[in-house]
């Protein structure tokens, strides 16, 4: 389990353990950056070449809330200590988060059909829900390698969606979540609804 015995712990303790778990397991997000360079040799001939470097970005967290119907957000911070006010994080480079933009009843049906395919595929995932949300959120962990560039992450998440979500529900998938998007931090209060994001259940990789 991501957080052991979470039913008997406080929201803050669960949130802290969740962040600690992922900061150790996936301490860095890796971004591959292309660099175009040029140099001149001893004979005065100019040469161009391409190289790459990896930009390491830590797990990003922040606080979001509504103020007078406006979304307010603190500055993104790299996780290195616990702050009880954080309620939002960025999607991990190794995961995909599935949400359906449709009415609640249809979203639940779409989630159930997708969950069946995830179980049959033996993927590690967890289902989360906060009161007020239209759709439960399915977090598929350990899906992608850590060293992919952002374009490849988006492409593979899109292809995985086409494989795992039944065709009749594909058009309702929130495609913004293919990208490095903000999501509610597990066990925190949702910035929009003010209710805690609860773990409904987790299926470990078998």
N, C-alpha and C. Protein backbone atom coordinates (compact mmCIF):
# COMPACT_ATOMS: atom_id res chain seq x y z
N UNK A 1 0.84 -1.20 0.00
CA UNK A 1 0.00 0.00 0.00
C UNK A 1 0.87 1.26 0.00
N UNK A 2 0.35 2.33 -0.59
CA UNK A 2 1.07 3.60 -0.62
C UNK A 2 1.21 4.14 0.80
N UNK A 3 0.11 4.12 1.56
CA UNK A 3 0.13 4.54 2.97
C UNK A 3 -0.48 3.40 3.79
N UNK A 4 0.33 2.78 4.61
CA UNK A 4 -0.15 1.66 5.42
C UNK A 4 -1.13 2.13 6.50
N UNK A 5 -2.20 1.35 6.69
CA UNK A 5 -3.15 1.59 7.77
C UNK A 5 -3.69 3.03 7.74
N UNK A 6 -3.97 3.53 6.54
CA UNK A 6 -4.38 4.94 6.41
C UNK A 6 -5.72 5.24 7.08
N UNK A 7 -6.55 4.22 7.27
CA UNK A 7 -7.86 4.46 7.90
C UNK A 7 -7.72 4.93 9.34
N UNK A 8 -6.60 4.59 9.98
CA UNK A 8 -6.42 4.93 11.40
C UNK A 8 -5.45 6.09 11.62
N UNK A 9 -5.19 6.85 10.57
CA UNK A 9 -4.26 7.98 10.68
C UNK A 9 -4.96 9.28 10.30
N UNK A 10 -4.41 10.38 10.74
CA UNK A 10 -4.98 11.69 10.42
C UNK A 10 -4.74 12.01 8.95
N UNK A 11 -5.51 12.97 8.43
CA UNK A 11 -5.32 13.40 7.04
C UNK A 11 -3.91 13.93 6.84
N UNK A 12 -3.41 14.69 7.80
CA UNK A 12 -2.08 15.28 7.68
C UNK A 12 -1.01 14.19 7.67
N UNK A 13 -1.13 13.21 8.55
CA UNK A 13 -0.15 12.13 8.61
C UNK A 13 -0.16 11.32 7.31
N UNK A 14 -1.34 11.04 6.77
CA UNK A 14 -1.44 10.30 5.50
C UNK A 14 -0.79 11.08 4.37
N UNK A 15 -1.06 12.38 4.37
CA UNK A 15 -0.50 13.24 3.31
C UNK A 15 1.02 13.28 3.39
N UNK A 16 1.53 13.40 4.60
CA UNK A 16 2.98 13.43 4.80
C UNK A 16 3.62 12.12 4.36
N UNK A 17 3.04 11.00 4.75
CA UNK A 17 3.60 9.70 4.37
C UNK A 17 3.54 9.49 2.86
N UNK A 18 2.47 9.98 2.24
CA UNK A 18 2.36 9.86 0.78
C UNK A 18 3.49 10.62 0.09
N UNK A 19 3.73 11.85 0.51
CA UNK A 19 4.80 12.66 -0.09
C UNK A 19 6.17 12.06 0.17
N UNK A 20 6.38 11.55 1.37
CA UNK A 20 7.66 10.93 1.69
C UNK A 20 7.89 9.69 0.82
N UNK A 21 6.84 8.92 0.64
CA UNK A 21 6.93 7.70 -0.16
C UNK A 21 7.39 8.03 -1.58
N UNK A 22 6.75 9.03 -2.20
CA UNK A 22 7.06 9.33 -3.59
C UNK A 22 8.34 10.14 -3.75
N UNK A 23 8.68 10.95 -2.76
CA UNK A 23 9.92 11.73 -2.87
C UNK A 23 11.15 10.83 -2.80
N UNK A 24 11.01 9.69 -2.11
CA UNK A 24 12.10 8.71 -2.04
C UNK A 24 12.09 7.81 -3.27
N UNK A 25 10.91 7.38 -3.66
CA UNK A 25 10.81 6.43 -4.77
C UNK A 25 11.08 7.09 -6.13
N UNK A 26 10.54 8.28 -6.31
CA UNK A 26 10.76 9.03 -7.55
C UNK A 26 11.21 10.44 -7.16
N UNK A 27 12.44 10.59 -6.72
CA UNK A 27 12.87 11.87 -6.18
C UNK A 27 13.00 12.98 -7.20
N UNK A 28 13.11 12.63 -8.47
CA UNK A 28 13.33 13.66 -9.48
C UNK A 28 12.47 13.44 -10.72
N UNK A 29 12.02 14.54 -11.29
CA UNK A 29 11.44 14.51 -12.61
C UNK A 29 12.55 14.87 -13.58
N UNK A 30 12.68 14.12 -14.66
CA UNK A 30 13.78 14.33 -15.59
C UNK A 30 13.27 14.94 -16.88
N UNK A 31 13.88 16.04 -17.29
CA UNK A 31 13.52 16.67 -18.54
C UNK A 31 14.74 16.67 -19.47
N UNK A 32 14.60 16.06 -20.63
CA UNK A 32 15.69 15.98 -21.59
C UNK A 32 15.69 17.24 -22.46
N UNK A 33 16.81 17.95 -22.46
CA UNK A 33 16.88 19.23 -23.18
C UNK A 33 17.88 19.12 -24.32
N UNK A 34 17.45 19.52 -25.51
CA UNK A 34 18.29 19.48 -26.70
C UNK A 34 19.12 20.77 -26.79
N UNK A 35 20.41 20.63 -27.04
CA UNK A 35 21.30 21.79 -27.12
C UNK A 35 22.00 21.80 -28.49
N UNK A 36 21.82 22.86 -29.24
CA UNK A 36 22.50 23.03 -30.52
C UNK A 36 23.76 23.86 -30.28
N UNK A 37 24.92 23.33 -30.68
CA UNK A 37 26.20 24.01 -30.44
C UNK A 37 27.00 24.16 -31.73
N UNK A 38 28.01 25.03 -31.65
CA UNK A 38 28.86 25.27 -32.82
C UNK A 38 30.28 25.55 -32.34
N UNK A 39 31.28 25.05 -33.09
CA UNK A 39 32.65 25.36 -32.74
C UNK A 39 33.48 25.44 -34.03
N UNK A 40 34.63 26.08 -33.94
CA UNK A 40 35.53 26.23 -35.09
C UNK A 40 36.83 25.51 -34.81
N UNK A 41 37.24 24.63 -35.74
CA UNK A 41 38.46 23.87 -35.53
C UNK A 41 39.71 24.69 -35.85
N UNK A 42 40.89 24.07 -35.74
CA UNK A 42 42.15 24.77 -35.94
C UNK A 42 42.29 25.34 -37.35
N UNK A 43 41.63 24.71 -38.29
CA UNK A 43 41.73 25.15 -39.68
C UNK A 43 40.68 26.20 -40.04
N UNK A 44 39.93 26.62 -39.06
CA UNK A 44 38.94 27.66 -39.28
C UNK A 44 37.61 27.16 -39.84
N UNK A 45 37.42 25.85 -39.81
CA UNK A 45 36.17 25.29 -40.32
C UNK A 45 35.14 25.22 -39.19
N UNK A 46 33.96 25.73 -39.48
CA UNK A 46 32.90 25.75 -38.47
C UNK A 46 32.11 24.44 -38.49
N UNK A 47 31.82 23.94 -37.30
CA UNK A 47 31.06 22.69 -37.17
C UNK A 47 29.88 22.92 -36.23
N UNK A 48 28.75 22.28 -36.58
CA UNK A 48 27.58 22.33 -35.71
C UNK A 48 27.31 20.91 -35.18
N UNK A 49 26.88 20.83 -33.94
CA UNK A 49 26.55 19.51 -33.39
C UNK A 49 25.44 19.64 -32.35
N UNK A 50 24.81 18.53 -32.13
CA UNK A 50 23.68 18.48 -31.19
C UNK A 50 24.06 17.62 -29.99
N UNK A 51 23.75 18.12 -28.81
CA UNK A 51 23.96 17.34 -27.60
C UNK A 51 22.71 17.44 -26.72
N UNK A 52 22.68 16.64 -25.69
CA UNK A 52 21.53 16.64 -24.80
C UNK A 52 22.00 16.70 -23.35
N UNK A 53 21.19 17.32 -22.52
CA UNK A 53 21.44 17.27 -21.09
C UNK A 53 20.12 17.02 -20.38
N UNK A 54 20.19 16.51 -19.20
CA UNK A 54 18.98 16.22 -18.44
C UNK A 54 18.81 17.26 -17.33
N UNK A 55 17.64 17.85 -17.32
CA UNK A 55 17.31 18.83 -16.30
C UNK A 55 16.49 18.13 -15.22
N UNK A 56 16.99 18.11 -14.01
CA UNK A 56 16.32 17.39 -12.93
C UNK A 56 15.45 18.35 -12.11
N UNK A 57 14.18 18.04 -12.07
CA UNK A 57 13.22 18.89 -11.37
C UNK A 57 12.57 18.07 -10.27
N UNK A 58 12.62 18.54 -9.05
CA UNK A 58 12.05 17.79 -7.94
C UNK A 58 10.54 17.74 -7.98
N UNK A 59 9.95 16.91 -7.13
CA UNK A 59 8.51 16.80 -7.00
C UNK A 59 7.93 18.17 -6.63
N UNK A 60 7.04 18.70 -7.47
CA UNK A 60 6.51 20.04 -7.27
C UNK A 60 5.16 20.01 -6.56
N UNK A 61 5.01 20.88 -5.56
CA UNK A 61 3.79 20.97 -4.78
C UNK A 61 3.44 22.45 -4.59
N UNK A 62 2.17 22.72 -4.25
CA UNK A 62 1.75 24.10 -3.98
C UNK A 62 0.42 24.08 -3.24
N UNK A 63 -0.04 25.25 -2.87
CA UNK A 63 -1.36 25.40 -2.24
C UNK A 63 -2.26 26.15 -3.21
N UNK A 64 -3.46 25.63 -3.42
CA UNK A 64 -4.46 26.30 -4.25
C UNK A 64 -5.74 26.48 -3.45
N UNK A 65 -6.46 27.58 -3.70
CA UNK A 65 -7.73 27.81 -3.05
C UNK A 65 -8.54 28.82 -3.85
N UNK A 66 -9.82 28.91 -3.53
CA UNK A 66 -10.69 29.89 -4.17
C UNK A 66 -10.83 31.11 -3.27
N UNK A 67 -10.73 32.28 -3.88
CA UNK A 67 -10.94 33.53 -3.15
C UNK A 67 -11.79 34.44 -4.03
N UNK A 68 -13.01 34.69 -3.58
CA UNK A 68 -13.95 35.51 -4.35
C UNK A 68 -14.10 34.97 -5.77
N UNK A 69 -14.29 33.64 -5.85
CA UNK A 69 -14.51 32.93 -7.12
C UNK A 69 -13.30 32.96 -8.05
N UNK A 70 -12.15 33.32 -7.53
CA UNK A 70 -10.92 33.28 -8.32
C UNK A 70 -9.98 32.21 -7.77
N UNK A 71 -9.32 31.51 -8.68
CA UNK A 71 -8.38 30.48 -8.26
C UNK A 71 -7.05 31.13 -7.89
N UNK A 72 -6.61 30.94 -6.65
CA UNK A 72 -5.34 31.49 -6.18
C UNK A 72 -4.38 30.33 -5.91
N UNK A 73 -3.13 30.55 -6.25
CA UNK A 73 -2.13 29.50 -6.07
C UNK A 73 -0.85 30.08 -5.52
N UNK A 74 -0.25 29.36 -4.58
CA UNK A 74 1.07 29.77 -4.09
C UNK A 74 2.11 29.41 -5.13
N UNK A 75 3.32 29.86 -4.93
CA UNK A 75 4.41 29.54 -5.83
C UNK A 75 4.72 28.05 -5.75
N UNK A 76 4.97 27.43 -6.91
CA UNK A 76 5.36 26.02 -6.91
C UNK A 76 6.66 25.83 -6.13
N UNK A 77 6.69 24.80 -5.32
CA UNK A 77 7.88 24.50 -4.53
C UNK A 77 8.32 23.06 -4.77
N UNK A 78 9.63 22.85 -4.74
CA UNK A 78 10.15 21.50 -4.82
C UNK A 78 10.06 20.86 -3.44
N UNK A 79 9.46 19.68 -3.36
CA UNK A 79 9.25 19.05 -2.06
C UNK A 79 10.57 18.63 -1.42
N UNK A 80 10.85 19.19 -0.26
CA UNK A 80 12.00 18.76 0.54
C UNK A 80 11.67 18.81 2.03
N UNK A 81 10.52 19.33 2.37
CA UNK A 81 10.03 19.33 3.75
C UNK A 81 8.50 19.34 3.69
N UNK A 82 7.84 19.03 4.78
CA UNK A 82 6.38 18.92 4.76
C UNK A 82 5.73 20.24 5.17
N UNK A 83 4.73 20.63 4.41
CA UNK A 83 3.92 21.81 4.71
C UNK A 83 2.46 21.38 4.68
N UNK A 84 1.77 21.51 5.80
CA UNK A 84 0.40 21.00 5.90
C UNK A 84 -0.59 21.75 5.01
N UNK A 85 -0.19 22.92 4.49
CA UNK A 85 -1.09 23.70 3.64
C UNK A 85 -1.06 23.27 2.18
N UNK A 86 -0.06 22.50 1.79
CA UNK A 86 -0.03 22.03 0.41
C UNK A 86 -1.23 21.12 0.14
N UNK A 87 -1.93 21.37 -0.94
CA UNK A 87 -3.06 20.53 -1.31
C UNK A 87 -3.05 20.14 -2.79
N UNK A 88 -1.98 20.50 -3.49
CA UNK A 88 -1.91 20.29 -4.93
C UNK A 88 -0.50 19.85 -5.32
N UNK A 89 -0.41 18.97 -6.29
CA UNK A 89 0.90 18.55 -6.81
C UNK A 89 0.81 18.41 -8.32
N UNK A 90 1.98 18.25 -8.94
CA UNK A 90 2.03 17.97 -10.37
C UNK A 90 2.02 16.46 -10.58
N UNK A 91 1.46 16.04 -11.70
CA UNK A 91 1.46 14.62 -12.05
C UNK A 91 2.89 14.11 -12.11
N UNK A 92 3.13 12.95 -11.54
CA UNK A 92 4.45 12.34 -11.59
C UNK A 92 4.80 11.98 -13.04
N UNK A 93 6.07 12.06 -13.40
CA UNK A 93 6.46 11.71 -14.78
C UNK A 93 6.20 10.26 -15.12
N UNK A 94 6.03 9.40 -14.09
CA UNK A 94 5.83 7.97 -14.34
C UNK A 94 4.35 7.56 -14.32
N UNK A 95 3.44 8.48 -14.03
CA UNK A 95 2.04 8.10 -13.86
C UNK A 95 1.14 8.72 -14.93
N UNK A 96 -0.09 8.24 -14.94
CA UNK A 96 -1.15 8.86 -15.71
C UNK A 96 -2.37 8.94 -14.81
N UNK A 97 -3.06 10.08 -14.84
CA UNK A 97 -4.27 10.28 -14.05
C UNK A 97 -5.45 10.33 -15.01
N UNK A 98 -6.44 9.49 -14.75
CA UNK A 98 -7.62 9.40 -15.61
C UNK A 98 -8.83 10.03 -14.93
N UNK A 99 -9.44 10.97 -15.63
CA UNK A 99 -10.67 11.62 -15.15
C UNK A 99 -11.60 11.76 -16.35
N UNK A 100 -12.90 11.65 -16.11
CA UNK A 100 -13.87 11.76 -17.19
C UNK A 100 -14.70 13.03 -17.04
N UNK A 101 -14.74 13.84 -18.09
CA UNK A 101 -15.51 15.09 -18.09
C UNK A 101 -16.92 14.82 -18.61
N UNK A 102 -17.76 14.33 -17.74
CA UNK A 102 -19.14 13.99 -18.09
C UNK A 102 -19.92 13.95 -16.78
N UNK A 103 -21.22 13.78 -16.85
CA UNK A 103 -22.02 13.74 -15.62
C UNK A 103 -21.57 12.60 -14.71
N UNK A 104 -21.87 12.73 -13.44
CA UNK A 104 -21.34 11.82 -12.42
C UNK A 104 -21.67 10.36 -12.70
N UNK A 105 -22.92 10.06 -13.03
CA UNK A 105 -23.31 8.66 -13.23
C UNK A 105 -22.56 8.02 -14.39
N UNK A 106 -22.43 8.76 -15.50
CA UNK A 106 -21.70 8.23 -16.66
C UNK A 106 -20.21 8.11 -16.34
N UNK A 107 -19.68 9.07 -15.57
CA UNK A 107 -18.26 9.02 -15.20
C UNK A 107 -17.96 7.78 -14.35
N UNK A 108 -18.87 7.44 -13.44
CA UNK A 108 -18.67 6.25 -12.60
C UNK A 108 -18.68 4.98 -13.47
N UNK A 109 -19.60 4.92 -14.43
CA UNK A 109 -19.63 3.77 -15.35
C UNK A 109 -18.33 3.68 -16.15
N UNK A 110 -17.85 4.83 -16.62
CA UNK A 110 -16.59 4.85 -17.39
C UNK A 110 -15.42 4.40 -16.53
N UNK A 111 -15.40 4.85 -15.28
CA UNK A 111 -14.33 4.44 -14.36
C UNK A 111 -14.37 2.94 -14.11
N UNK A 112 -15.57 2.40 -13.89
CA UNK A 112 -15.69 0.97 -13.60
C UNK A 112 -15.21 0.13 -14.78
N UNK A 113 -15.58 0.54 -15.99
CA UNK A 113 -15.16 -0.20 -17.18
C UNK A 113 -13.65 -0.12 -17.37
N UNK A 114 -13.09 1.05 -17.08
CA UNK A 114 -11.63 1.23 -17.20
C UNK A 114 -10.89 0.43 -16.13
N UNK A 115 -11.43 0.41 -14.92
CA UNK A 115 -10.82 -0.32 -13.81
C UNK A 115 -10.74 -1.82 -14.13
N UNK A 116 -11.79 -2.36 -14.74
CA UNK A 116 -11.77 -3.78 -15.12
C UNK A 116 -10.58 -4.06 -16.04
N UNK A 117 -10.37 -3.18 -17.02
CA UNK A 117 -9.25 -3.38 -17.96
C UNK A 117 -7.90 -3.23 -17.27
N UNK A 118 -7.81 -2.32 -16.29
CA UNK A 118 -6.56 -2.15 -15.55
C UNK A 118 -6.24 -3.38 -14.70
N UNK A 119 -7.26 -3.94 -14.08
CA UNK A 119 -7.05 -5.15 -13.27
C UNK A 119 -6.61 -6.31 -14.17
N UNK A 120 -7.27 -6.45 -15.31
CA UNK A 120 -6.90 -7.53 -16.23
C UNK A 120 -5.49 -7.34 -16.78
N UNK A 121 -5.07 -6.07 -16.91
CA UNK A 121 -3.72 -5.79 -17.40
C UNK A 121 -2.67 -5.83 -16.31
N UNK A 122 -3.09 -6.04 -15.06
CA UNK A 122 -2.20 -6.17 -13.91
C UNK A 122 -1.37 -4.89 -13.67
N UNK A 123 -2.05 -3.74 -13.74
CA UNK A 123 -1.39 -2.46 -13.49
C UNK A 123 -1.56 -2.05 -12.02
N UNK A 124 -0.62 -1.24 -11.54
CA UNK A 124 -0.71 -0.68 -10.19
C UNK A 124 -1.48 0.64 -10.28
N UNK A 125 -2.61 0.71 -9.60
CA UNK A 125 -3.40 1.94 -9.64
C UNK A 125 -4.19 2.11 -8.35
N UNK A 126 -4.69 3.32 -8.16
CA UNK A 126 -5.53 3.63 -7.01
C UNK A 126 -6.66 4.54 -7.48
N UNK A 127 -7.80 4.44 -6.82
CA UNK A 127 -8.96 5.26 -7.17
C UNK A 127 -9.24 6.22 -6.03
N UNK A 128 -9.35 7.52 -6.37
CA UNK A 128 -9.51 8.59 -5.39
C UNK A 128 -10.78 9.38 -5.69
N UNK A 129 -11.38 9.92 -4.62
CA UNK A 129 -12.59 10.71 -4.83
C UNK A 129 -12.77 11.71 -3.69
N UNK A 130 -13.18 12.93 -4.07
CA UNK A 130 -13.55 13.97 -3.11
C UNK A 130 -15.00 14.35 -3.37
N UNK A 131 -15.79 14.48 -2.33
CA UNK A 131 -17.20 14.85 -2.49
C UNK A 131 -17.31 16.13 -3.30
N UNK A 132 -18.16 16.09 -4.33
CA UNK A 132 -18.34 17.25 -5.21
C UNK A 132 -17.74 17.04 -6.59
N UNK A 133 -16.76 16.16 -6.69
CA UNK A 133 -16.14 15.89 -7.98
C UNK A 133 -17.13 15.16 -8.89
N UNK A 134 -17.08 15.47 -10.19
CA UNK A 134 -17.94 14.76 -11.13
C UNK A 134 -17.47 13.32 -11.33
N UNK A 135 -16.16 13.14 -11.35
CA UNK A 135 -15.60 11.84 -11.66
C UNK A 135 -14.57 11.43 -10.63
N UNK A 136 -14.55 10.18 -10.22
CA UNK A 136 -13.40 9.69 -9.45
C UNK A 136 -12.14 9.84 -10.28
N UNK A 137 -11.01 9.88 -9.63
CA UNK A 137 -9.72 9.96 -10.33
C UNK A 137 -9.03 8.60 -10.20
N UNK A 138 -8.57 8.09 -11.33
CA UNK A 138 -7.79 6.85 -11.32
C UNK A 138 -6.33 7.22 -11.55
N UNK A 139 -5.48 6.92 -10.58
CA UNK A 139 -4.04 7.19 -10.70
C UNK A 139 -3.33 5.89 -11.04
N UNK A 140 -2.75 5.82 -12.23
CA UNK A 140 -2.00 4.63 -12.64
C UNK A 140 -0.54 4.93 -12.39
N UNK A 141 0.04 4.26 -11.40
CA UNK A 141 1.42 4.52 -10.99
C UNK A 141 2.40 3.61 -11.72
N UNK A 142 3.66 4.02 -11.74
CA UNK A 142 4.73 3.18 -12.31
C UNK A 142 4.41 2.74 -13.74
N UNK A 143 3.80 3.63 -14.50
CA UNK A 143 3.40 3.30 -15.87
C UNK A 143 4.50 3.58 -16.87
N UNK A 144 5.19 4.71 -16.71
CA UNK A 144 6.19 5.15 -17.68
C UNK A 144 7.59 5.15 -17.08
N UNK A 145 8.62 5.02 -17.91
CA UNK A 145 10.00 5.20 -17.42
C UNK A 145 10.20 6.65 -16.96
N UNK A 146 11.13 6.86 -16.06
CA UNK A 146 11.33 8.19 -15.49
C UNK A 146 12.06 9.16 -16.42
N UNK A 147 12.83 8.64 -17.38
CA UNK A 147 13.73 9.49 -18.15
C UNK A 147 13.15 9.94 -19.50
N UNK A 148 11.83 9.95 -19.64
CA UNK A 148 11.22 10.37 -20.90
C UNK A 148 11.07 11.88 -20.95
N UNK A 149 11.20 12.46 -22.14
CA UNK A 149 10.91 13.89 -22.30
C UNK A 149 9.39 14.08 -22.29
N UNK A 150 8.96 15.32 -22.11
CA UNK A 150 7.54 15.61 -21.91
C UNK A 150 6.68 15.23 -23.13
N UNK A 151 7.20 15.43 -24.33
CA UNK A 151 6.44 15.08 -25.53
C UNK A 151 6.18 13.58 -25.59
N UNK A 152 7.18 12.79 -25.24
CA UNK A 152 7.02 11.34 -25.25
C UNK A 152 6.06 10.90 -24.15
N UNK A 153 6.10 11.55 -22.99
CA UNK A 153 5.15 11.24 -21.92
C UNK A 153 3.72 11.43 -22.41
N UNK A 154 3.46 12.55 -23.06
CA UNK A 154 2.12 12.85 -23.56
C UNK A 154 1.69 11.80 -24.59
N UNK A 155 2.59 11.48 -25.51
CA UNK A 155 2.27 10.50 -26.56
C UNK A 155 1.94 9.13 -25.97
N UNK A 156 2.75 8.67 -25.02
CA UNK A 156 2.52 7.35 -24.44
C UNK A 156 1.27 7.31 -23.57
N UNK A 157 0.99 8.39 -22.86
CA UNK A 157 -0.25 8.44 -22.07
C UNK A 157 -1.47 8.38 -23.00
N UNK A 158 -1.38 9.08 -24.12
CA UNK A 158 -2.49 9.07 -25.08
C UNK A 158 -2.70 7.65 -25.64
N UNK A 159 -1.61 6.98 -26.01
CA UNK A 159 -1.71 5.63 -26.56
C UNK A 159 -2.23 4.65 -25.51
N UNK A 160 -1.79 4.83 -24.26
CA UNK A 160 -2.25 3.95 -23.19
C UNK A 160 -3.76 4.14 -22.97
N UNK A 161 -4.21 5.38 -23.06
CA UNK A 161 -5.64 5.68 -22.91
C UNK A 161 -6.46 4.94 -23.95
N UNK A 162 -6.00 4.98 -25.18
CA UNK A 162 -6.72 4.30 -26.27
C UNK A 162 -6.75 2.79 -26.05
N UNK A 163 -5.75 2.29 -25.35
CA UNK A 163 -5.68 0.85 -25.09
C UNK A 163 -6.56 0.44 -23.92
N UNK A 164 -6.64 1.27 -22.89
CA UNK A 164 -7.23 0.82 -21.62
C UNK A 164 -8.65 1.35 -21.38
N UNK A 165 -9.02 2.49 -22.00
CA UNK A 165 -10.37 3.05 -21.80
C UNK A 165 -11.29 2.53 -22.91
N UNK A 166 -12.44 1.97 -22.57
CA UNK A 166 -13.37 1.49 -23.60
C UNK A 166 -13.72 2.61 -24.60
N UNK A 167 -13.88 2.24 -25.86
CA UNK A 167 -14.05 3.21 -26.94
C UNK A 167 -15.21 4.17 -26.70
N UNK A 168 -16.29 3.68 -26.12
CA UNK A 168 -17.47 4.53 -25.93
C UNK A 168 -17.25 5.66 -24.92
N UNK A 169 -16.15 5.56 -24.13
CA UNK A 169 -15.87 6.59 -23.13
C UNK A 169 -14.64 7.44 -23.47
N UNK A 170 -13.95 7.13 -24.55
CA UNK A 170 -12.70 7.83 -24.87
C UNK A 170 -12.90 9.33 -25.02
N UNK A 171 -13.99 9.75 -25.61
CA UNK A 171 -14.19 11.19 -25.87
C UNK A 171 -14.38 11.99 -24.58
N UNK A 172 -14.68 11.31 -23.47
CA UNK A 172 -14.89 12.01 -22.20
C UNK A 172 -13.62 12.13 -21.36
N UNK A 173 -12.54 11.49 -21.77
CA UNK A 173 -11.30 11.54 -21.00
C UNK A 173 -10.74 12.97 -20.97
N UNK A 174 -10.34 13.43 -19.79
CA UNK A 174 -9.73 14.76 -19.65
C UNK A 174 -8.31 14.71 -20.21
N UNK A 175 -8.16 15.22 -21.43
CA UNK A 175 -6.88 15.12 -22.14
C UNK A 175 -5.82 16.07 -21.59
N UNK A 176 -6.23 17.04 -20.78
CA UNK A 176 -5.23 17.93 -20.15
C UNK A 176 -4.31 17.14 -19.24
N UNK A 177 -4.80 16.00 -18.75
CA UNK A 177 -4.02 15.19 -17.81
C UNK A 177 -2.97 14.33 -18.52
N UNK A 178 -2.89 14.43 -19.84
CA UNK A 178 -1.77 13.80 -20.54
C UNK A 178 -0.48 14.59 -20.29
N UNK A 179 -0.64 15.84 -19.89
CA UNK A 179 0.49 16.76 -19.74
C UNK A 179 0.93 16.86 -18.28
N UNK A 180 1.95 17.68 -18.03
CA UNK A 180 2.47 17.91 -16.68
C UNK A 180 1.49 18.84 -15.95
N UNK A 181 0.39 18.28 -15.52
CA UNK A 181 -0.76 19.04 -15.02
C UNK A 181 -0.83 18.97 -13.50
N UNK A 182 -1.46 19.98 -12.90
CA UNK A 182 -1.69 19.97 -11.46
C UNK A 182 -2.90 19.10 -11.13
N UNK A 183 -2.79 18.36 -10.03
CA UNK A 183 -3.91 17.55 -9.53
C UNK A 183 -3.97 17.71 -8.02
N UNK A 184 -5.12 17.37 -7.46
CA UNK A 184 -5.27 17.44 -6.01
C UNK A 184 -4.32 16.47 -5.34
N UNK A 185 -3.64 16.94 -4.31
CA UNK A 185 -2.73 16.08 -3.55
C UNK A 185 -3.54 15.07 -2.74
N UNK A 186 -3.12 13.83 -2.80
CA UNK A 186 -3.81 12.76 -2.10
C UNK A 186 -3.94 13.07 -0.60
N UNK A 187 -5.12 12.80 -0.05
CA UNK A 187 -5.46 13.00 1.37
C UNK A 187 -5.56 14.49 1.76
N UNK A 188 -5.54 15.39 0.77
CA UNK A 188 -5.67 16.82 1.06
C UNK A 188 -7.08 17.30 0.70
N UNK A 189 -7.44 18.48 1.17
CA UNK A 189 -8.72 19.07 0.79
C UNK A 189 -8.62 19.63 -0.63
N UNK A 190 -9.61 19.29 -1.45
CA UNK A 190 -9.63 19.78 -2.82
C UNK A 190 -9.84 21.29 -2.81
N UNK A 191 -9.04 22.00 -3.61
CA UNK A 191 -9.09 23.47 -3.61
C UNK A 191 -10.44 24.01 -4.03
N UNK A 192 -11.18 23.27 -4.84
CA UNK A 192 -12.45 23.75 -5.36
C UNK A 192 -13.63 23.36 -4.48
N UNK A 193 -13.62 22.13 -3.97
CA UNK A 193 -14.79 21.60 -3.26
C UNK A 193 -14.64 21.66 -1.74
N UNK A 194 -13.40 21.77 -1.25
CA UNK A 194 -13.18 21.84 0.19
C UNK A 194 -13.38 20.53 0.91
N UNK A 195 -13.41 19.42 0.18
CA UNK A 195 -13.55 18.09 0.77
C UNK A 195 -12.27 17.29 0.52
N UNK A 196 -11.97 16.37 1.41
CA UNK A 196 -10.73 15.61 1.31
C UNK A 196 -10.76 14.61 0.14
N UNK A 197 -9.63 14.48 -0.52
CA UNK A 197 -9.48 13.47 -1.55
C UNK A 197 -9.21 12.13 -0.85
N UNK A 198 -10.20 11.25 -0.91
CA UNK A 198 -10.13 9.98 -0.17
C UNK A 198 -9.67 8.85 -1.08
N UNK A 199 -8.90 7.94 -0.49
CA UNK A 199 -8.52 6.73 -1.20
C UNK A 199 -9.66 5.72 -1.09
N UNK A 200 -10.28 5.41 -2.23
CA UNK A 200 -11.36 4.41 -2.23
C UNK A 200 -10.78 3.01 -2.18
N UNK A 201 -9.79 2.75 -3.03
CA UNK A 201 -9.06 1.49 -2.97
C UNK A 201 -7.82 1.55 -3.85
N UNK A 202 -6.89 0.66 -3.59
CA UNK A 202 -5.65 0.56 -4.35
C UNK A 202 -5.44 -0.88 -4.80
N UNK A 203 -5.03 -1.05 -6.05
CA UNK A 203 -4.73 -2.37 -6.59
C UNK A 203 -3.23 -2.41 -6.89
N UNK A 204 -2.46 -3.18 -6.16
CA UNK A 204 -1.01 -3.26 -6.42
C UNK A 204 -0.73 -4.02 -7.71
N UNK A 205 0.43 -3.80 -8.26
CA UNK A 205 0.84 -4.50 -9.47
C UNK A 205 1.03 -5.97 -9.13
N UNK A 206 0.39 -6.85 -9.91
CA UNK A 206 0.49 -8.28 -9.62
C UNK A 206 1.40 -9.00 -10.61
